[in-house]
Amino acid sequence: MAKYEIRVPALAVRQGERRLYSFAVDGKKLPLFATVSRIHRDEDQQLGGYQRPEALAHIAAIKRYLESSDPVLPNALVIAFDERVKFEETGSSEAGACFGEVVIPVDEELPDEEKPGWIVDGQQRSAAIREARIEDFPVFVTAFVTDSVAEQRSQFILVNSTKPLPKGLIYELLPSTPAGDLPVALLRRRYPALLLERLNFDEDSPLQFRIRTPTAAEGTIKDNSILKMLSASIEDGALYRYFDSETGEGDTESMLTLVKNYWEAVATCFPDAWDQPPRKSRLAHGAGIAALGSLMDEIAYTLGEERIPSSEEFATELGLIADECHWTKGTWKFGPGETCTWNELQNTPGDILRLTDHLLNLYRAARQPVGLEREAA
């Protein structure tokens, strides 16, 4: 196997502190120096990579088009190179741009993970070119140089944030993406996503491996349900006091302790419902997660804002209404003439509001005598 260089004429443009390189290269040669960083978890459950799996149907459609009589792919692929790739300047032009050559080292014996380029945007197009029955196909490339995987993830999110990229993939990448690189809409999701990651992979978490994400496909609780629950609590609930809205950061360990203690209590009070998937238990369903999240805020407030209740304390409070909950069978009695069988509850705003109000009212009614007795004592 050979070692050599690919040299391509390029235009370098400076944007702030970053230099971008624009050039054309035969798409059939892309696999020689660039690969895709697949999102995964290592043995320690640390996040690696950032790209979703190849969309085979999409690749097949592009491949058919490339094999047609007059194909055109005008959009540039985006590639992140490491420091092994160099730019040799040969001349300058206006607007901070200069001409030169991008020099890409090629070692045909290197495994994919050691190649100098990572495809940030365009993996389906590059795969289609690779598979197409054509001799060559030049493509445009926009490249930047960085050794930081975090920056590659940032660019991947920003490039794809206006496309139909799976939200679960973006949310799983957010915790390991620098906050300063994100738009406001994604920044608001970053901290809840960080908490979700810890809840799903911490060994002491009752939700360990229960949350379904791109790297934890065996989970049964939807990641978006947990994210909404956490976001609501941070914005106006029990987690609010641990969060600094100006910096977008918070007291992570205190938040996790509170949430873990509460959901440990939920698992203790409702063991049968806890072990079931959403189709068999509305506790693990979007409506149940949201409603129980609001109840978490209520109980934490009732027990005192200056401390974090233990799982035993949370369990005692949940026990006050446990007999009135119908997560896997029976009928919810929301009010006079207003009933709903357990499996009729849907993850809709109306049903979430009905269930939330019902649980809060049950708890407040059950708690009131306790409060009066304590005042009398």
Foldseek 3Di string as FASTA:
>chain_A
DDKDKDKFKWKWADDPPWIKIKTKDWLLCCQQFEDAWDWAADPLRDTTGQDHDAPVVLLVVLLVQVQDDDHDDADAWEKEFEPVKDWDFDAADPNRMTITIIMAIGDNPDDNVPGGIYTLPDPSVSVSSNPHPDDTDMHMYMYTYDPDVLVSNLVSCVVCVVPPDPVLSNLLSLQSHDLVSDDPVVLLLNVLSVLLSCLQPPPLAPCHLQEDGSHSNVHQAHPVLSSVLVSVCCVDFLVVVQADPVVSDGDSVQVNQQVRLQVVLVCVLCVVLVPDHCQQFVCSPSLNSNLSSLVSRVQCVVVPNPDRDGSVSNNVLCVLCSVQDQTGFDWHDLDVVDIGTNNRQHNDPVSSVSSNVSVVVSSCVSCVVVVVVVVVD
